[in-house]
Amino acid sequence: MNNALYSQIKQRLKTVPSQWNGKDVIVEMKESGYPHWRQMEWIGFYFQFLCEKHLKGLFQFQTPRYDKVSFDGFCIIPFDFKAHAINTSSHQVIVNDSVAISQGIREYGAVGLILALGEVVYNDADRTFQKWHEELKGGLSKYTQERIKRGAWSRLRKQSFALKQISFVEITDTTLIKCGSFQENFRNSDGRPRRKKVLLDLEKLDEELVMFVEF
């Protein structure tokens, strides 16, 4: 892709809100009919929601598709939209299915990543936000009920996100050499192996970072 098109994408995304209050944005997604408002990892889905809203007409969404895996959007090359907390010890971002990314690179020369970086605040010890979200969803999900039966630990939920930067990254075969993988040798609850995903280390990005906008 050329920088002129990235600049156009940048101009559109400069207007997204920088302060994401979990309760407010979940209600916003719910009232807009967005199907992913129930998801625990709401910051990623809210950024996808914002990208679909602000990039409408420039992007096609949920395409291209490889086997059962689709990219979040397409504009000359396939793109995924991700959000990542920077006030954690991890600098690694789980991107898309390894096979899909490889096929996307083979077909289009590169795949893109539009990455929202920001600081998160987690739920309090009483899990007030989590309880609010469960109530809004109509009670505990089947997944949560099964986790409780197993006695598995529940992670603290993110309750707010302060957007600091949106980065535009291009992933090529050269990038994949520097990447790891996630879910390798993992299995689903029914025993089927999970497909590997690309694990992108932000500290190793250099020429891949095409452009960014700060908030």
N, C-alpha and C. Protein backbone atom coordinates (compact mmCIF):
# COMPACT_ATOMS: atom_id res chain seq x y z
N MET A 1 0.83 -1.20 0.00
CA MET A 1 0.00 0.00 0.00
C MET A 1 0.86 1.24 0.00
N ASN A 2 0.33 2.32 -0.55
CA ASN A 2 1.10 3.57 -0.56
C ASN A 2 0.74 4.44 0.63
N ASN A 3 1.63 5.37 0.95
CA ASN A 3 1.45 6.23 2.12
C ASN A 3 0.23 7.15 1.99
N ALA A 4 -0.16 7.48 0.76
CA ALA A 4 -1.32 8.34 0.57
C ALA A 4 -2.58 7.66 1.08
N LEU A 5 -2.70 6.37 0.82
CA LEU A 5 -3.88 5.64 1.31
C LEU A 5 -3.82 5.47 2.82
N TYR A 6 -2.64 5.19 3.36
CA TYR A 6 -2.50 5.12 4.81
C TYR A 6 -2.85 6.47 5.45
N SER A 7 -2.48 7.55 4.81
CA SER A 7 -2.81 8.87 5.35
C SER A 7 -4.32 9.09 5.38
N GLN A 8 -5.01 8.57 4.37
CA GLN A 8 -6.46 8.68 4.33
C GLN A 8 -7.09 7.89 5.47
N ILE A 9 -6.58 6.68 5.70
CA ILE A 9 -7.06 5.86 6.82
C ILE A 9 -6.78 6.57 8.14
N LYS A 10 -5.57 7.13 8.25
CA LYS A 10 -5.17 7.84 9.46
C LYS A 10 -6.10 9.01 9.75
N GLN A 11 -6.44 9.78 8.74
CA GLN A 11 -7.32 10.94 8.93
C GLN A 11 -8.69 10.51 9.45
N ARG A 12 -9.19 9.40 8.97
CA ARG A 12 -10.49 8.91 9.43
C ARG A 12 -10.43 8.44 10.88
N LEU A 13 -9.35 7.76 11.24
CA LEU A 13 -9.27 7.20 12.59
C LEU A 13 -8.82 8.22 13.63
N LYS A 14 -8.32 9.38 13.20
CA LYS A 14 -7.94 10.43 14.16
C LYS A 14 -9.14 10.92 14.96
N THR A 15 -10.33 10.70 14.44
CA THR A 15 -11.53 11.22 15.10
C THR A 15 -12.17 10.23 16.07
N VAL A 16 -11.57 9.03 16.24
CA VAL A 16 -12.17 8.07 17.17
C VAL A 16 -11.98 8.58 18.60
N PRO A 17 -12.88 8.24 19.53
CA PRO A 17 -12.71 8.69 20.92
C PRO A 17 -11.49 8.05 21.55
N SER A 18 -10.85 8.80 22.44
CA SER A 18 -9.63 8.28 23.08
C SER A 18 -9.89 7.69 24.46
N GLN A 19 -11.00 8.00 25.08
CA GLN A 19 -11.34 7.47 26.41
C GLN A 19 -12.51 6.50 26.28
N TRP A 20 -12.24 5.22 26.58
CA TRP A 20 -13.26 4.19 26.44
C TRP A 20 -13.68 3.71 27.82
N ASN A 21 -14.82 4.12 28.27
CA ASN A 21 -15.39 3.60 29.51
C ASN A 21 -16.17 2.32 29.18
N GLY A 22 -15.81 1.23 29.84
CA GLY A 22 -16.38 -0.06 29.49
C GLY A 22 -17.89 -0.09 29.47
N LYS A 23 -18.52 0.45 30.49
CA LYS A 23 -19.98 0.44 30.56
C LYS A 23 -20.58 1.22 29.40
N ASP A 24 -20.03 2.40 29.14
CA ASP A 24 -20.59 3.25 28.09
C ASP A 24 -20.46 2.61 26.71
N VAL A 25 -19.28 2.06 26.41
CA VAL A 25 -19.07 1.56 25.05
C VAL A 25 -19.77 0.23 24.84
N ILE A 26 -19.92 -0.57 25.89
CA ILE A 26 -20.67 -1.82 25.75
C ILE A 26 -22.14 -1.52 25.47
N VAL A 27 -22.69 -0.53 26.17
CA VAL A 27 -24.07 -0.11 25.90
C VAL A 27 -24.18 0.46 24.48
N GLU A 28 -23.17 1.22 24.06
CA GLU A 28 -23.17 1.77 22.70
C GLU A 28 -23.21 0.65 21.66
N MET A 29 -22.37 -0.37 21.85
CA MET A 29 -22.36 -1.49 20.91
C MET A 29 -23.69 -2.24 20.94
N LYS A 30 -24.24 -2.45 22.13
CA LYS A 30 -25.50 -3.17 22.27
C LYS A 30 -26.63 -2.42 21.56
N GLU A 31 -26.72 -1.11 21.79
CA GLU A 31 -27.80 -0.32 21.19
C GLU A 31 -27.63 -0.17 19.68
N SER A 32 -26.40 -0.34 19.19
CA SER A 32 -26.15 -0.27 17.75
C SER A 32 -26.41 -1.61 17.07
N GLY A 33 -26.72 -2.63 17.85
CA GLY A 33 -26.96 -3.96 17.28
C GLY A 33 -25.68 -4.70 16.94
N TYR A 34 -24.56 -4.26 17.50
CA TYR A 34 -23.28 -4.92 17.23
C TYR A 34 -23.24 -6.25 17.97
N PRO A 35 -22.99 -7.36 17.28
CA PRO A 35 -23.19 -8.68 17.90
C PRO A 35 -22.19 -9.06 18.99
N HIS A 36 -21.07 -8.34 19.09
CA HIS A 36 -20.01 -8.76 20.02
C HIS A 36 -20.01 -8.00 21.35
N TRP A 37 -21.08 -7.32 21.68
CA TRP A 37 -21.10 -6.52 22.91
C TRP A 37 -21.03 -7.37 24.17
N ARG A 38 -21.33 -8.64 24.05
CA ARG A 38 -21.28 -9.53 25.22
C ARG A 38 -19.87 -10.01 25.55
N GLN A 39 -18.93 -9.79 24.68
CA GLN A 39 -17.60 -10.39 24.84
C GLN A 39 -16.83 -9.78 26.01
N MET A 40 -16.11 -10.65 26.73
CA MET A 40 -15.32 -10.22 27.87
C MET A 40 -14.19 -9.27 27.43
N GLU A 41 -13.49 -9.62 26.34
CA GLU A 41 -12.39 -8.78 25.85
C GLU A 41 -12.97 -7.69 24.95
N TRP A 42 -13.72 -6.80 25.58
CA TRP A 42 -14.50 -5.81 24.83
C TRP A 42 -13.65 -4.77 24.14
N ILE A 43 -12.42 -4.49 24.61
CA ILE A 43 -11.64 -3.41 23.99
C ILE A 43 -11.31 -3.73 22.54
N GLY A 44 -10.99 -5.00 22.26
CA GLY A 44 -10.69 -5.39 20.89
C GLY A 44 -11.90 -5.28 19.99
N PHE A 45 -13.06 -5.71 20.51
CA PHE A 45 -14.27 -5.66 19.71
C PHE A 45 -14.77 -4.22 19.54
N TYR A 46 -14.53 -3.38 20.56
CA TYR A 46 -14.94 -1.98 20.39
C TYR A 46 -14.08 -1.29 19.34
N PHE A 47 -12.78 -1.62 19.29
CA PHE A 47 -11.95 -1.02 18.26
C PHE A 47 -12.37 -1.51 16.88
N GLN A 48 -12.73 -2.78 16.77
CA GLN A 48 -13.26 -3.29 15.51
C GLN A 48 -14.54 -2.56 15.13
N PHE A 49 -15.39 -2.33 16.11
CA PHE A 49 -16.64 -1.57 15.91
C PHE A 49 -16.33 -0.17 15.39
N LEU A 50 -15.33 0.50 15.99
CA LEU A 50 -14.96 1.86 15.57
C LEU A 50 -14.38 1.85 14.15
N CYS A 51 -13.54 0.86 13.86
CA CYS A 51 -12.95 0.79 12.51
C CYS A 51 -14.03 0.59 11.47
N GLU A 52 -14.99 -0.28 11.74
CA GLU A 52 -16.07 -0.53 10.78
C GLU A 52 -16.92 0.73 10.59
N LYS A 53 -17.04 1.53 11.64
CA LYS A 53 -17.82 2.77 11.57
C LYS A 53 -17.07 3.85 10.80
N HIS A 54 -15.80 4.04 11.11
CA HIS A 54 -15.05 5.16 10.55
C HIS A 54 -14.42 4.85 9.19
N LEU A 55 -14.25 3.58 8.86
CA LEU A 55 -13.62 3.21 7.59
C LEU A 55 -14.65 2.71 6.57
N LYS A 56 -15.91 2.87 6.89
CA LYS A 56 -16.99 2.44 6.00
C LYS A 56 -16.86 3.17 4.66
N GLY A 57 -16.99 2.43 3.57
CA GLY A 57 -16.87 3.01 2.24
C GLY A 57 -15.46 2.92 1.68
N LEU A 58 -14.48 2.84 2.57
CA LEU A 58 -13.09 2.69 2.16
C LEU A 58 -12.67 1.22 2.22
N PHE A 59 -13.20 0.52 3.21
CA PHE A 59 -12.88 -0.89 3.45
C PHE A 59 -14.08 -1.78 3.16
N GLN A 60 -13.81 -3.01 2.80
CA GLN A 60 -14.77 -4.10 2.90
C GLN A 60 -14.47 -4.82 4.21
N PHE A 61 -15.49 -5.38 4.85
CA PHE A 61 -15.28 -5.98 6.16
C PHE A 61 -15.56 -7.48 6.14
N GLN A 62 -14.88 -8.17 7.08
CA GLN A 62 -14.96 -9.63 7.22
C GLN A 62 -14.60 -10.34 5.90
N THR A 63 -13.53 -9.87 5.30
CA THR A 63 -13.03 -10.44 4.06
C THR A 63 -11.58 -10.04 3.89
N PRO A 64 -10.74 -10.81 3.18
CA PRO A 64 -11.02 -12.09 2.55
C PRO A 64 -11.08 -13.22 3.57
N ARG A 65 -11.55 -14.35 3.11
CA ARG A 65 -11.73 -15.52 3.96
C ARG A 65 -10.89 -16.68 3.42
N TYR A 66 -10.15 -17.30 4.32
CA TYR A 66 -9.35 -18.47 3.98
C TYR A 66 -9.80 -19.63 4.85
N ASP A 67 -10.37 -20.64 4.22
CA ASP A 67 -10.96 -21.75 4.95
C ASP A 67 -12.06 -21.19 5.85
N LYS A 68 -11.93 -21.33 7.17
CA LYS A 68 -12.95 -20.82 8.08
C LYS A 68 -12.53 -19.53 8.76
N VAL A 69 -11.42 -18.94 8.31
CA VAL A 69 -10.85 -17.76 8.97
C VAL A 69 -10.96 -16.55 8.05
N SER A 70 -11.51 -15.45 8.56
CA SER A 70 -11.61 -14.23 7.77
C SER A 70 -10.78 -13.13 8.42
N PHE A 71 -10.36 -12.17 7.62
CA PHE A 71 -9.72 -10.97 8.13
C PHE A 71 -10.81 -9.97 8.49
N ASP A 72 -10.44 -8.98 9.33
CA ASP A 72 -11.43 -7.99 9.77
C ASP A 72 -11.84 -7.06 8.63
N GLY A 73 -10.91 -6.79 7.72
CA GLY A 73 -11.23 -5.88 6.64
C GLY A 73 -10.27 -6.00 5.47
N PHE A 74 -10.63 -5.34 4.38
CA PHE A 74 -9.79 -5.39 3.18
C PHE A 74 -9.79 -4.02 2.50
N CYS A 75 -8.57 -3.54 2.20
CA CYS A 75 -8.38 -2.32 1.42
C CYS A 75 -7.04 -2.47 0.72
N ILE A 76 -7.05 -3.01 -0.48
CA ILE A 76 -5.87 -3.37 -1.27
C ILE A 76 -5.19 -4.62 -0.71
N ILE A 77 -4.99 -4.66 0.62
CA ILE A 77 -4.48 -5.86 1.29
C ILE A 77 -5.42 -6.20 2.45
N PRO A 78 -5.39 -7.45 2.94
CA PRO A 78 -6.22 -7.81 4.10
C PRO A 78 -5.70 -7.12 5.36
N PHE A 79 -6.61 -6.77 6.27
CA PHE A 79 -6.27 -6.11 7.52
C PHE A 79 -6.95 -6.81 8.69
N ASP A 80 -6.29 -6.76 9.83
CA ASP A 80 -6.93 -7.06 11.11
C ASP A 80 -6.87 -5.82 11.98
N PHE A 81 -7.87 -5.68 12.85
CA PHE A 81 -7.95 -4.56 13.78
C PHE A 81 -7.77 -5.12 15.20
N LYS A 82 -6.78 -4.63 15.92
CA LYS A 82 -6.50 -5.16 17.25
C LYS A 82 -6.29 -4.02 18.25
N ALA A 83 -6.56 -4.31 19.53
CA ALA A 83 -6.27 -3.37 20.62
C ALA A 83 -5.38 -4.07 21.62
N HIS A 84 -4.43 -3.31 22.18
CA HIS A 84 -3.44 -3.92 23.09
C HIS A 84 -3.13 -2.96 24.23
N ALA A 85 -3.08 -3.51 25.45
CA ALA A 85 -2.74 -2.72 26.63
C ALA A 85 -1.23 -2.55 26.73
N ILE A 86 -0.77 -1.31 26.87
CA ILE A 86 0.66 -1.06 26.94
C ILE A 86 1.17 -1.01 28.38
N ASN A 87 0.26 -0.91 29.36
CA ASN A 87 0.71 -0.88 30.76
C ASN A 87 0.67 -2.29 31.34
N THR A 88 1.25 -3.24 30.59
CA THR A 88 1.43 -4.61 31.05
C THR A 88 2.86 -5.02 30.73
N SER A 89 3.26 -6.18 31.21
CA SER A 89 4.63 -6.65 30.97
C SER A 89 4.79 -7.26 29.58
N SER A 90 3.69 -7.55 28.90
CA SER A 90 3.76 -8.22 27.61
C SER A 90 3.77 -7.22 26.46
N HIS A 91 4.68 -7.42 25.52
CA HIS A 91 4.74 -6.61 24.31
C HIS A 91 4.34 -7.43 23.09
N GLN A 92 3.67 -8.55 23.32
CA GLN A 92 3.29 -9.44 22.23
C GLN A 92 1.80 -9.34 21.95
N VAL A 93 1.46 -9.32 20.68
CA VAL A 93 0.08 -9.20 20.24
C VAL A 93 -0.28 -10.45 19.44
N ILE A 94 -1.37 -11.10 19.83
CA ILE A 94 -1.86 -12.25 19.08
C ILE A 94 -2.62 -11.72 17.87
N VAL A 95 -2.17 -12.09 16.69
CA VAL A 95 -2.79 -11.57 15.47
C VAL A 95 -3.78 -12.61 14.94
N ASN A 96 -3.66 -13.01 13.71
CA ASN A 96 -4.64 -13.91 13.11
C ASN A 96 -4.06 -15.30 12.92
N ASP A 97 -4.86 -16.18 12.37
CA ASP A 97 -4.49 -17.55 12.07
C ASP A 97 -3.24 -17.58 11.19
N SER A 98 -2.27 -18.43 11.56
CA SER A 98 -0.99 -18.48 10.84
C SER A 98 -1.16 -18.82 9.37
N VAL A 99 -2.03 -19.79 9.09
CA VAL A 99 -2.24 -20.20 7.70
C VAL A 99 -2.90 -19.08 6.90
N ALA A 100 -3.90 -18.42 7.49
CA ALA A 100 -4.60 -17.34 6.80
C ALA A 100 -3.63 -16.19 6.49
N ILE A 101 -2.79 -15.85 7.46
CA ILE A 101 -1.82 -14.76 7.23
C ILE A 101 -0.85 -15.13 6.12
N SER A 102 -0.36 -16.35 6.14
CA SER A 102 0.57 -16.80 5.09
C SER A 102 -0.10 -16.76 3.72
N GLN A 103 -1.36 -17.18 3.64
CA GLN A 103 -2.07 -17.15 2.37
C GLN A 103 -2.35 -15.72 1.92
N GLY A 104 -2.67 -14.84 2.88
CA GLY A 104 -2.89 -13.44 2.55
C GLY A 104 -1.63 -12.78 2.00
N ILE A 105 -0.49 -13.07 2.61
CA ILE A 105 0.78 -12.53 2.13
C ILE A 105 1.09 -13.07 0.75
N ARG A 106 0.84 -14.36 0.54
CA ARG A 106 1.12 -14.98 -0.75
C ARG A 106 0.27 -14.34 -1.86
N GLU A 107 -0.99 -14.03 -1.53
CA GLU A 107 -1.89 -13.50 -2.55
C GLU A 107 -1.74 -12.00 -2.78
N TYR A 108 -1.46 -11.24 -1.69
CA TYR A 108 -1.45 -9.78 -1.81
C TYR A 108 -0.09 -9.14 -1.52
N GLY A 109 0.90 -9.93 -1.11
CA GLY A 109 2.23 -9.40 -0.84
C GLY A 109 2.45 -8.99 0.60
N ALA A 110 1.37 -8.70 1.32
CA ALA A 110 1.45 -8.30 2.72
C ALA A 110 0.05 -8.34 3.32
N VAL A 111 -0.02 -8.40 4.63
CA VAL A 111 -1.29 -8.18 5.34
C VAL A 111 -1.05 -7.05 6.32
N GLY A 112 -2.11 -6.32 6.63
CA GLY A 112 -1.99 -5.14 7.48
C GLY A 112 -2.56 -5.37 8.87
N LEU A 113 -2.06 -4.60 9.79
CA LEU A 113 -2.57 -4.61 11.16
C LEU A 113 -2.77 -3.16 11.59
N ILE A 114 -4.00 -2.81 11.98
CA ILE A 114 -4.27 -1.51 12.57
C ILE A 114 -4.42 -1.75 14.06
N LEU A 115 -3.49 -1.20 14.82
CA LEU A 115 -3.32 -1.57 16.22
C LEU A 115 -3.55 -0.38 17.15
N ALA A 116 -4.56 -0.49 18.01
CA ALA A 116 -4.83 0.54 19.02
C ALA A 116 -4.05 0.20 20.28
N LEU A 117 -3.22 1.13 20.73
CA LEU A 117 -2.39 0.95 21.92
C LEU A 117 -2.85 1.92 23.00
N GLY A 118 -3.04 1.41 24.21
CA GLY A 118 -3.51 2.29 25.27
C GLY A 118 -3.33 1.68 26.64
N GLU A 119 -3.71 2.45 27.64
CA GLU A 119 -3.57 2.02 29.04
C GLU A 119 -4.93 1.57 29.56
N VAL A 120 -4.93 0.41 30.23
CA VAL A 120 -6.18 -0.13 30.76
C VAL A 120 -6.24 0.05 32.28
N VAL A 121 -7.46 0.13 32.77
CA VAL A 121 -7.73 0.04 34.21
C VAL A 121 -8.56 -1.21 34.41
N TYR A 122 -8.16 -2.02 35.40
CA TYR A 122 -8.84 -3.28 35.63
C TYR A 122 -9.93 -3.15 36.68
N ASN A 123 -10.81 -4.12 36.68
CA ASN A 123 -11.91 -4.20 37.62
C ASN A 123 -11.41 -4.18 39.06
N ASP A 124 -12.24 -3.69 39.98
CA ASP A 124 -11.87 -3.69 41.38
C ASP A 124 -11.98 -5.10 41.96
N ALA A 125 -11.53 -5.27 43.20
CA ALA A 125 -11.51 -6.59 43.83
C ALA A 125 -12.90 -7.20 43.96
N ASP A 126 -13.92 -6.37 44.05
CA ASP A 126 -15.30 -6.88 44.15
C ASP A 126 -15.90 -7.20 42.79
N ARG A 127 -15.13 -6.94 41.73
CA ARG A 127 -15.55 -7.25 40.36
C ARG A 127 -16.87 -6.57 39.99
N THR A 128 -16.96 -5.31 40.37
CA THR A 128 -18.18 -4.55 40.12
C THR A 128 -18.53 -4.48 38.64
N PHE A 129 -17.53 -4.19 37.83
CA PHE A 129 -17.77 -4.09 36.39
C PHE A 129 -18.19 -5.43 35.80
N GLN A 130 -17.50 -6.48 36.20
CA GLN A 130 -17.82 -7.82 35.69
C GLN A 130 -19.26 -8.20 36.04
N LYS A 131 -19.68 -7.93 37.26
CA LYS A 131 -21.05 -8.25 37.68
C LYS A 131 -22.06 -7.43 36.88
N TRP A 132 -21.73 -6.16 36.63
CA TRP A 132 -22.61 -5.32 35.82
C TRP A 132 -22.78 -5.90 34.42
N HIS A 133 -21.65 -6.33 33.83
CA HIS A 133 -21.69 -6.86 32.48
C HIS A 133 -22.50 -8.16 32.42
N GLU A 134 -22.30 -9.03 33.41
CA GLU A 134 -23.05 -10.29 33.44
C GLU A 134 -24.56 -10.02 33.57
N GLU A 135 -24.90 -9.03 34.38
CA GLU A 135 -26.31 -8.70 34.55
C GLU A 135 -26.90 -8.16 33.26
N LEU A 136 -26.13 -7.33 32.55
CA LEU A 136 -26.60 -6.78 31.28
C LEU A 136 -26.82 -7.89 30.26
N LYS A 137 -26.00 -8.92 30.32
CA LYS A 137 -26.11 -10.04 29.39
C LYS A 137 -27.24 -10.99 29.76
N GLY A 138 -27.83 -10.78 30.95
CA GLY A 138 -28.93 -11.64 31.36
C GLY A 138 -28.52 -12.79 32.24
N GLY A 139 -27.32 -12.69 32.84
CA GLY A 139 -26.86 -13.75 33.74
C GLY A 139 -25.57 -14.37 33.24
N LEU A 140 -25.09 -15.34 33.99
CA LEU A 140 -23.82 -15.98 33.66
C LEU A 140 -23.93 -16.77 32.36
N SER A 141 -22.91 -16.65 31.53
CA SER A 141 -22.87 -17.41 30.29
C SER A 141 -22.58 -18.88 30.59
N LYS A 142 -22.84 -19.74 29.61
CA LYS A 142 -22.55 -21.16 29.77
C LYS A 142 -21.06 -21.38 30.00
N TYR A 143 -20.22 -20.59 29.30
CA TYR A 143 -18.78 -20.69 29.47
C TYR A 143 -18.38 -20.37 30.90
N THR A 144 -18.96 -19.30 31.47
CA THR A 144 -18.64 -18.91 32.84
C THR A 144 -19.13 -19.95 33.84
N GLN A 145 -20.31 -20.50 33.60
CA GLN A 145 -20.84 -21.54 34.48
C GLN A 145 -19.93 -22.76 34.49
N GLU A 146 -19.43 -23.15 33.33
CA GLU A 146 -18.52 -24.29 33.24
C GLU A 146 -17.20 -23.99 33.94
N ARG A 147 -16.71 -22.73 33.80
CA ARG A 147 -15.46 -22.36 34.47
C ARG A 147 -15.62 -22.46 35.98
N ILE A 148 -16.76 -21.99 36.51
CA ILE A 148 -17.01 -22.04 37.95
C ILE A 148 -17.06 -23.49 38.43
N LYS A 149 -17.70 -24.36 37.65
CA LYS A 149 -17.76 -25.78 38.02
C LYS A 149 -16.36 -26.40 38.10
N ARG A 150 -15.47 -25.97 37.20
CA ARG A 150 -14.11 -26.50 37.19
C ARG A 150 -13.26 -25.89 38.28
N GLY A 151 -13.72 -24.80 38.87
CA GLY A 151 -12.93 -24.11 39.89
C GLY A 151 -11.80 -23.30 39.28
N ALA A 152 -11.93 -22.98 37.99
CA ALA A 152 -10.88 -22.23 37.30
C ALA A 152 -10.92 -20.75 37.70
N TRP A 153 -9.76 -20.14 37.73
CA TRP A 153 -9.62 -18.74 38.13
C TRP A 153 -10.18 -17.82 37.05
N SER A 154 -10.86 -16.76 37.49
CA SER A 154 -11.40 -15.77 36.57
C SER A 154 -10.52 -14.54 36.57
N ARG A 155 -10.04 -14.15 35.39
CA ARG A 155 -9.19 -12.96 35.29
C ARG A 155 -10.00 -11.70 35.57
N LEU A 156 -9.31 -10.68 36.10
CA LEU A 156 -9.95 -9.38 36.27
C LEU A 156 -10.26 -8.78 34.90
N ARG A 157 -11.44 -8.22 34.76
CA ARG A 157 -11.83 -7.63 33.49
C ARG A 157 -11.28 -6.21 33.36
N LYS A 158 -11.06 -5.83 32.12
CA LYS A 158 -10.67 -4.44 31.83
C LYS A 158 -11.93 -3.59 31.90
N GLN A 159 -11.89 -2.49 32.64
CA GLN A 159 -13.10 -1.66 32.76
C GLN A 159 -12.98 -0.33 32.04
N SER A 160 -11.76 0.05 31.65
CA SER A 160 -11.61 1.26 30.83
C SER A 160 -10.31 1.18 30.05
N PHE A 161 -10.23 2.01 29.00
CA PHE A 161 -9.08 2.00 28.10
C PHE A 161 -8.82 3.43 27.64
N ALA A 162 -7.58 3.89 27.83
CA ALA A 162 -7.19 5.22 27.38
C ALA A 162 -6.30 5.08 26.15
N LEU A 163 -6.85 5.40 24.99
CA LEU A 163 -6.13 5.24 23.73
C LEU A 163 -4.97 6.24 23.64
N LYS A 164 -3.78 5.73 23.36
CA LYS A 164 -2.58 6.58 23.26
C LYS A 164 -2.05 6.67 21.84
N GLN A 165 -2.21 5.59 21.06
CA GLN A 165 -1.64 5.58 19.72
C GLN A 165 -2.35 4.53 18.87
N ILE A 166 -2.50 4.82 17.59
CA ILE A 166 -2.91 3.83 16.62
C ILE A 166 -1.76 3.64 15.65
N SER A 167 -1.28 2.41 15.53
CA SER A 167 -0.15 2.09 14.66
C SER A 167 -0.64 1.32 13.44
N PHE A 168 -0.01 1.58 12.31
CA PHE A 168 -0.32 0.88 11.07
C PHE A 168 0.89 0.02 10.71
N VAL A 169 0.68 -1.28 10.68
CA VAL A 169 1.77 -2.24 10.53
C VAL A 169 1.51 -3.10 9.30
N GLU A 170 2.57 -3.36 8.51
CA GLU A 170 2.48 -4.30 7.41
C GLU A 170 3.30 -5.54 7.74
N ILE A 171 2.67 -6.70 7.59
CA ILE A 171 3.31 -7.98 7.90
C ILE A 171 3.62 -8.70 6.60
N THR A 172 4.88 -9.07 6.43
CA THR A 172 5.32 -9.81 5.25
C THR A 172 5.97 -11.12 5.69
N ASP A 173 6.47 -11.88 4.74
CA ASP A 173 7.18 -13.12 5.08
C ASP A 173 8.38 -12.83 5.97
N THR A 174 9.04 -11.69 5.75
CA THR A 174 10.20 -11.32 6.58
C THR A 174 9.77 -11.11 8.03
N THR A 175 8.59 -10.52 8.22
CA THR A 175 8.07 -10.32 9.58
C THR A 175 7.80 -11.65 10.26
N LEU A 176 7.24 -12.59 9.52
CA LEU A 176 6.88 -13.88 10.10
C LEU A 176 8.10 -14.62 10.64
N ILE A 177 9.26 -14.39 10.02
CA ILE A 177 10.49 -15.03 10.50
C ILE A 177 10.81 -14.56 11.92
N LYS A 178 10.43 -13.30 12.24
CA LYS A 178 10.71 -12.73 13.57
C LYS A 178 9.61 -13.04 14.58
N CYS A 179 8.52 -13.65 14.12
CA CYS A 179 7.36 -13.86 14.98
C CYS A 179 7.36 -15.24 15.61
N GLY A 180 6.63 -15.36 16.70
CA GLY A 180 6.36 -16.65 17.30
C GLY A 180 4.96 -17.09 16.95
N SER A 181 4.49 -18.12 17.65
CA SER A 181 3.13 -18.60 17.42
C SER A 181 2.44 -18.82 18.75
N PHE A 182 1.13 -18.76 18.72
CA PHE A 182 0.30 -18.92 19.91
C PHE A 182 -0.69 -20.05 19.65
N GLN A 183 -0.97 -20.83 20.70
CA GLN A 183 -1.90 -21.95 20.66
C GLN A 183 -1.32 -23.19 20.01
N GLU A 184 -0.02 -23.18 19.73
CA GLU A 184 0.58 -24.38 19.16
C GLU A 184 0.47 -25.52 20.18
N ASN A 185 -0.02 -26.64 19.74
CA ASN A 185 -0.25 -27.83 20.57
C ASN A 185 -1.40 -27.65 21.55
N PHE A 186 -2.18 -26.56 21.44
CA PHE A 186 -3.38 -26.40 22.27
C PHE A 186 -4.52 -27.17 21.63
N ARG A 187 -5.51 -27.54 22.45
CA ARG A 187 -6.68 -28.24 21.94
C ARG A 187 -7.95 -27.59 22.47
N ASN A 188 -9.03 -27.66 21.68
CA ASN A 188 -10.32 -27.19 22.12
C ASN A 188 -10.92 -28.18 23.11
N SER A 189 -12.04 -27.77 23.72
CA SER A 189 -12.67 -28.62 24.73
C SER A 189 -13.13 -29.96 24.17
N ASP A 190 -13.39 -30.02 22.85
CA ASP A 190 -13.82 -31.27 22.24
C ASP A 190 -12.64 -32.12 21.75
N GLY A 191 -11.42 -31.67 22.05
CA GLY A 191 -10.24 -32.44 21.69
C GLY A 191 -9.60 -32.06 20.38
N ARG A 192 -10.29 -31.27 19.56
CA ARG A 192 -9.72 -30.87 18.28
C ARG A 192 -8.57 -29.88 18.49
N PRO A 193 -7.47 -30.01 17.73
CA PRO A 193 -6.35 -29.08 17.89
C PRO A 193 -6.74 -27.67 17.46
N ARG A 194 -6.27 -26.68 18.20
CA ARG A 194 -6.51 -25.29 17.81
C ARG A 194 -5.50 -24.88 16.74
N ARG A 195 -5.96 -24.04 15.85
CA ARG A 195 -5.07 -23.55 14.80
C ARG A 195 -4.09 -22.53 15.38
N LYS A 196 -2.86 -22.60 14.93
CA LYS A 196 -1.84 -21.67 15.41
C LYS A 196 -2.16 -20.25 14.96
N LYS A 197 -1.81 -19.29 15.83
CA LYS A 197 -1.94 -17.88 15.49
C LYS A 197 -0.56 -17.22 15.54
N VAL A 198 -0.40 -16.19 14.74
CA VAL A 198 0.86 -15.44 14.73
C VAL A 198 0.95 -14.58 15.98
N LEU A 199 2.10 -14.59 16.61
CA LEU A 199 2.36 -13.81 17.81
C LEU A 199 3.38 -12.73 17.45
N LEU A 200 2.93 -11.49 17.43
CA LEU A 200 3.76 -10.37 16.97
C LEU A 200 4.40 -9.68 18.17
N ASP A 201 5.72 -9.56 18.17
CA ASP A 201 6.45 -8.90 19.24
C ASP A 201 6.65 -7.43 18.85
N LEU A 202 5.99 -6.52 19.58
CA LEU A 202 6.03 -5.10 19.23
C LEU A 202 7.45 -4.53 19.31
N GLU A 203 8.28 -5.09 20.17
CA GLU A 203 9.64 -4.58 20.33
C GLU A 203 10.53 -4.92 19.15
N LYS A 204 10.08 -5.86 18.30
CA LYS A 204 10.87 -6.26 17.15
C LYS A 204 10.42 -5.57 15.87
N LEU A 205 9.38 -4.74 15.98
CA LEU A 205 8.89 -4.04 14.79
C LEU A 205 9.84 -2.90 14.43
N ASP A 206 10.13 -2.77 13.16
CA ASP A 206 10.98 -1.68 12.69
C ASP A 206 10.42 -1.17 11.36
N GLU A 207 10.86 -1.78 10.26
CA GLU A 207 10.37 -1.36 8.95
C GLU A 207 8.89 -1.71 8.75
N GLU A 208 8.35 -2.59 9.61
CA GLU A 208 6.93 -2.95 9.50
C GLU A 208 6.00 -1.81 9.89
N LEU A 209 6.47 -0.90 10.74
CA LEU A 209 5.65 0.21 11.21
C LEU A 209 5.62 1.30 10.13
N VAL A 210 4.49 1.38 9.44
CA VAL A 210 4.37 2.28 8.30
C VAL A 210 4.04 3.70 8.74
N MET A 211 3.16 3.83 9.72
CA MET A 211 2.65 5.14 10.13
C MET A 211 1.97 4.98 11.48
N PHE A 212 1.82 6.09 12.20
CA PHE A 212 1.08 6.04 13.46
C PHE A 212 0.45 7.39 13.74
N VAL A 213 -0.54 7.39 14.62
CA VAL A 213 -1.16 8.63 15.06
C VAL A 213 -1.28 8.58 16.58
N GLU A 214 -0.90 9.67 17.24
CA GLU A 214 -0.93 9.73 18.70
C GLU A 214 -2.19 10.47 19.17
N PHE A 215 -2.61 10.15 20.40
CA PHE A 215 -3.79 10.78 20.99
C PHE A 215 -3.41 11.45 22.31
